N, C-alpha and C. Protein backbone atom coordinates (compact mmCIF):
# COMPACT_ATOMS: atom_id res chain seq x y z
N MET A 1 3.23 21.43 6.65
CA MET A 1 2.41 20.24 6.54
C MET A 1 0.95 20.64 6.70
N ALA A 2 0.08 19.97 5.98
CA ALA A 2 -1.36 20.24 6.04
C ALA A 2 -1.90 19.85 7.41
N ALA A 3 -2.96 20.54 7.83
CA ALA A 3 -3.60 20.23 9.09
C ALA A 3 -4.16 18.81 9.03
N ARG A 4 -4.13 18.13 10.16
CA ARG A 4 -4.62 16.76 10.22
C ARG A 4 -5.95 16.73 10.96
N LYS A 5 -6.86 15.91 10.51
CA LYS A 5 -8.19 15.78 11.08
C LYS A 5 -8.26 14.49 11.88
N SER A 6 -8.73 14.57 13.11
CA SER A 6 -8.94 13.38 13.94
C SER A 6 -10.41 12.99 13.88
N PHE A 7 -10.66 11.68 13.90
CA PHE A 7 -12.04 11.21 13.95
C PHE A 7 -12.08 9.82 14.56
N LEU A 8 -13.23 9.45 15.10
CA LEU A 8 -13.44 8.15 15.70
C LEU A 8 -13.85 7.15 14.64
N LEU A 9 -13.26 5.97 14.65
CA LEU A 9 -13.60 4.92 13.70
C LEU A 9 -14.02 3.69 14.47
N ARG A 10 -15.23 3.24 14.25
CA ARG A 10 -15.70 1.99 14.86
C ARG A 10 -15.43 0.89 13.85
N ILE A 11 -14.75 -0.16 14.31
CA ILE A 11 -14.34 -1.23 13.40
C ILE A 11 -14.43 -2.57 14.13
N ASP A 12 -14.76 -3.60 13.41
CA ASP A 12 -14.84 -4.95 13.96
C ASP A 12 -13.49 -5.34 14.58
N ALA A 13 -13.52 -5.97 15.75
CA ALA A 13 -12.29 -6.32 16.47
C ALA A 13 -11.38 -7.24 15.64
N ALA A 14 -11.95 -8.19 14.94
CA ALA A 14 -11.14 -9.11 14.13
C ALA A 14 -10.46 -8.37 12.98
N LEU A 15 -11.18 -7.44 12.36
CA LEU A 15 -10.58 -6.65 11.28
C LEU A 15 -9.46 -5.77 11.83
N TRP A 16 -9.66 -5.17 13.01
CA TRP A 16 -8.62 -4.34 13.62
C TRP A 16 -7.36 -5.15 13.90
N GLU A 17 -7.54 -6.37 14.42
CA GLU A 17 -6.38 -7.23 14.71
C GLU A 17 -5.62 -7.55 13.42
N GLU A 18 -6.35 -7.80 12.34
CA GLU A 18 -5.70 -8.07 11.06
C GLU A 18 -4.94 -6.84 10.56
N LEU A 19 -5.55 -5.66 10.71
CA LEU A 19 -4.86 -4.42 10.32
C LEU A 19 -3.60 -4.20 11.14
N GLU A 20 -3.66 -4.51 12.44
CA GLU A 20 -2.47 -4.36 13.29
C GLU A 20 -1.35 -5.30 12.84
N ARG A 21 -1.70 -6.55 12.49
CA ARG A 21 -0.68 -7.49 12.00
C ARG A 21 -0.08 -7.00 10.68
N TRP A 22 -0.94 -6.55 9.79
CA TRP A 22 -0.49 -6.04 8.49
C TRP A 22 0.42 -4.84 8.69
N ALA A 23 0.02 -3.93 9.56
CA ALA A 23 0.82 -2.73 9.85
C ALA A 23 2.19 -3.12 10.40
N ALA A 24 2.21 -4.08 11.32
CA ALA A 24 3.49 -4.53 11.90
C ALA A 24 4.39 -5.12 10.82
N ASP A 25 3.81 -5.87 9.88
CA ASP A 25 4.59 -6.45 8.78
C ASP A 25 5.25 -5.36 7.94
N GLU A 26 4.61 -4.22 7.82
CA GLU A 26 5.12 -3.12 6.99
C GLU A 26 5.75 -2.00 7.82
N LEU A 27 6.00 -2.29 9.11
CA LEU A 27 6.67 -1.36 10.02
C LEU A 27 5.94 -0.02 10.13
N ARG A 28 4.61 -0.09 10.23
CA ARG A 28 3.79 1.10 10.42
C ARG A 28 2.95 0.91 11.68
N SER A 29 2.43 2.00 12.19
CA SER A 29 1.42 1.91 13.25
C SER A 29 0.11 1.50 12.60
N ALA A 30 -0.84 1.02 13.39
CA ALA A 30 -2.15 0.66 12.84
C ALA A 30 -2.81 1.90 12.24
N ASN A 31 -2.69 3.04 12.91
CA ASN A 31 -3.25 4.28 12.39
C ASN A 31 -2.58 4.66 11.06
N GLY A 32 -1.27 4.52 11.00
CA GLY A 32 -0.54 4.81 9.76
C GLY A 32 -0.95 3.88 8.64
N GLN A 33 -1.23 2.60 8.97
CA GLN A 33 -1.65 1.64 7.95
C GLN A 33 -3.03 2.01 7.40
N VAL A 34 -3.94 2.41 8.29
CA VAL A 34 -5.28 2.82 7.84
C VAL A 34 -5.16 4.03 6.92
N GLU A 35 -4.34 5.01 7.31
CA GLU A 35 -4.16 6.20 6.47
C GLU A 35 -3.52 5.83 5.13
N PHE A 36 -2.53 4.94 5.15
CA PHE A 36 -1.89 4.49 3.92
C PHE A 36 -2.91 3.85 2.98
N LEU A 37 -3.75 2.97 3.53
CA LEU A 37 -4.75 2.28 2.70
C LEU A 37 -5.78 3.25 2.15
N LEU A 38 -6.18 4.23 2.96
CA LEU A 38 -7.13 5.23 2.48
C LEU A 38 -6.52 6.08 1.37
N ARG A 39 -5.27 6.48 1.53
CA ARG A 39 -4.60 7.26 0.48
C ARG A 39 -4.49 6.46 -0.81
N GLN A 40 -4.15 5.17 -0.66
CA GLN A 40 -4.03 4.29 -1.82
C GLN A 40 -5.38 4.16 -2.54
N ALA A 41 -6.45 4.01 -1.78
CA ALA A 41 -7.79 3.89 -2.37
C ALA A 41 -8.20 5.17 -3.08
N VAL A 42 -7.91 6.31 -2.47
CA VAL A 42 -8.24 7.59 -3.11
C VAL A 42 -7.43 7.78 -4.38
N ARG A 43 -6.14 7.44 -4.33
CA ARG A 43 -5.28 7.57 -5.51
C ARG A 43 -5.77 6.66 -6.63
N THR A 44 -6.21 5.46 -6.29
CA THR A 44 -6.74 4.53 -7.29
C THR A 44 -8.00 5.10 -7.93
N ARG A 45 -8.82 5.72 -7.11
CA ARG A 45 -10.09 6.25 -7.61
C ARG A 45 -9.91 7.53 -8.41
N THR A 46 -9.02 8.42 -7.97
CA THR A 46 -8.91 9.75 -8.58
C THR A 46 -7.68 9.94 -9.44
N GLY A 47 -6.70 9.05 -9.35
CA GLY A 47 -5.46 9.22 -10.08
C GLY A 47 -4.42 9.90 -9.22
N PRO A 48 -3.20 10.08 -9.74
CA PRO A 48 -2.12 10.68 -8.96
C PRO A 48 -2.46 12.12 -8.54
N GLY A 49 -1.95 12.50 -7.39
CA GLY A 49 -2.16 13.86 -6.90
C GLY A 49 -1.28 14.86 -7.62
N PRO A 50 -1.42 16.13 -7.27
CA PRO A 50 -0.59 17.17 -7.90
C PRO A 50 0.89 16.88 -7.69
N GLY A 51 1.66 16.94 -8.74
CA GLY A 51 3.10 16.74 -8.65
C GLY A 51 3.53 15.28 -8.66
N GLU A 52 2.58 14.33 -8.71
CA GLU A 52 2.91 12.91 -8.75
C GLU A 52 2.70 12.40 -10.17
N GLN A 53 3.56 11.47 -10.56
CA GLN A 53 3.40 10.81 -11.85
C GLN A 53 2.77 9.45 -11.60
N ALA A 54 1.97 8.98 -12.53
CA ALA A 54 1.37 7.65 -12.40
C ALA A 54 2.48 6.61 -12.25
N GLY A 55 2.35 5.73 -11.28
CA GLY A 55 3.33 4.68 -11.06
C GLY A 55 4.53 5.10 -10.24
N THR A 56 4.63 6.36 -9.85
CA THR A 56 5.74 6.85 -9.04
C THR A 56 5.30 6.88 -7.58
N PRO A 57 6.07 6.30 -6.67
CA PRO A 57 5.70 6.34 -5.27
C PRO A 57 5.56 7.79 -4.79
N PRO A 58 4.55 8.08 -3.95
CA PRO A 58 4.38 9.43 -3.46
C PRO A 58 5.66 9.94 -2.80
N GLY A 59 6.02 11.17 -3.06
CA GLY A 59 7.21 11.77 -2.47
C GLY A 59 8.48 11.50 -3.27
N ALA A 60 8.44 10.54 -4.19
CA ALA A 60 9.62 10.24 -5.00
C ALA A 60 9.73 11.28 -6.11
N LEU A 61 10.94 11.55 -6.52
CA LEU A 61 11.16 12.55 -7.55
C LEU A 61 11.52 11.88 -8.88
N GLY A 62 10.54 11.25 -9.50
CA GLY A 62 10.72 10.65 -10.82
C GLY A 62 11.90 9.72 -10.92
N ALA A 63 13.01 10.16 -11.53
CA ALA A 63 14.16 9.32 -11.79
C ALA A 63 14.84 8.85 -10.51
N GLU A 64 14.63 9.55 -9.40
CA GLU A 64 15.26 9.13 -8.15
C GLU A 64 14.61 7.89 -7.56
N ALA A 65 13.37 7.57 -7.96
CA ALA A 65 12.70 6.37 -7.48
C ALA A 65 13.38 5.16 -8.11
N THR A 66 13.63 4.13 -7.32
CA THR A 66 14.26 2.94 -7.85
C THR A 66 13.32 1.76 -7.72
N ALA A 67 13.64 0.69 -8.41
CA ALA A 67 12.80 -0.51 -8.38
C ALA A 67 12.89 -1.21 -7.03
N SER A 68 13.93 -0.97 -6.24
CA SER A 68 14.10 -1.68 -4.98
C SER A 68 13.58 -0.90 -3.78
N THR A 69 13.09 0.30 -3.96
CA THR A 69 12.66 1.11 -2.83
C THR A 69 11.36 1.83 -3.14
N GLN A 70 10.47 1.88 -2.14
CA GLN A 70 9.27 2.71 -2.22
C GLN A 70 9.37 3.72 -1.09
N THR A 71 8.62 4.81 -1.21
CA THR A 71 8.62 5.82 -0.17
C THR A 71 7.35 5.70 0.63
N ASP A 72 7.47 5.65 1.96
CA ASP A 72 6.32 5.61 2.84
C ASP A 72 5.62 6.96 2.76
N THR A 73 4.30 6.96 2.54
CA THR A 73 3.57 8.21 2.34
C THR A 73 3.46 9.03 3.61
N LEU A 74 3.60 8.40 4.76
CA LEU A 74 3.47 9.14 6.01
C LEU A 74 4.78 9.75 6.46
N THR A 75 5.86 8.97 6.36
CA THR A 75 7.14 9.43 6.88
C THR A 75 8.05 10.00 5.82
N GLY A 76 7.82 9.64 4.55
CA GLY A 76 8.71 10.07 3.48
C GLY A 76 10.00 9.26 3.43
N LEU A 77 10.10 8.24 4.30
CA LEU A 77 11.30 7.41 4.34
C LEU A 77 11.14 6.20 3.44
N PRO A 78 12.26 5.64 2.95
CA PRO A 78 12.17 4.45 2.13
C PRO A 78 11.56 3.30 2.92
N SER A 79 10.74 2.49 2.27
CA SER A 79 10.18 1.29 2.90
C SER A 79 10.50 0.11 2.00
N PRO A 80 10.78 -1.05 2.60
CA PRO A 80 11.17 -2.21 1.79
C PRO A 80 9.99 -2.72 0.97
N LEU A 81 10.32 -3.25 -0.20
CA LEU A 81 9.30 -3.86 -1.05
C LEU A 81 9.08 -5.29 -0.59
N LYS A 82 7.86 -5.77 -0.75
CA LYS A 82 7.56 -7.17 -0.47
C LYS A 82 8.02 -8.01 -1.66
N PRO A 83 8.57 -9.20 -1.43
CA PRO A 83 9.02 -10.05 -2.55
C PRO A 83 7.85 -10.52 -3.39
């Protein structure tokens, strides 16, 4: 696994509370939710990373990805889709 970088983030308290609620809805930690959102923003800006196909959840192996499951980018485990 690649080395991880720690850094301090100053954020408005109301925004942090909203991120915590959102993270809980998606069964992630607040830190994991922030990282997920940052990865999603970078992917939107730069396109899929090496070994990823456009529209394929990160970590999924093409045909193995199904319409009912996405892969969590942090844990590599399936995460439920929102209706």
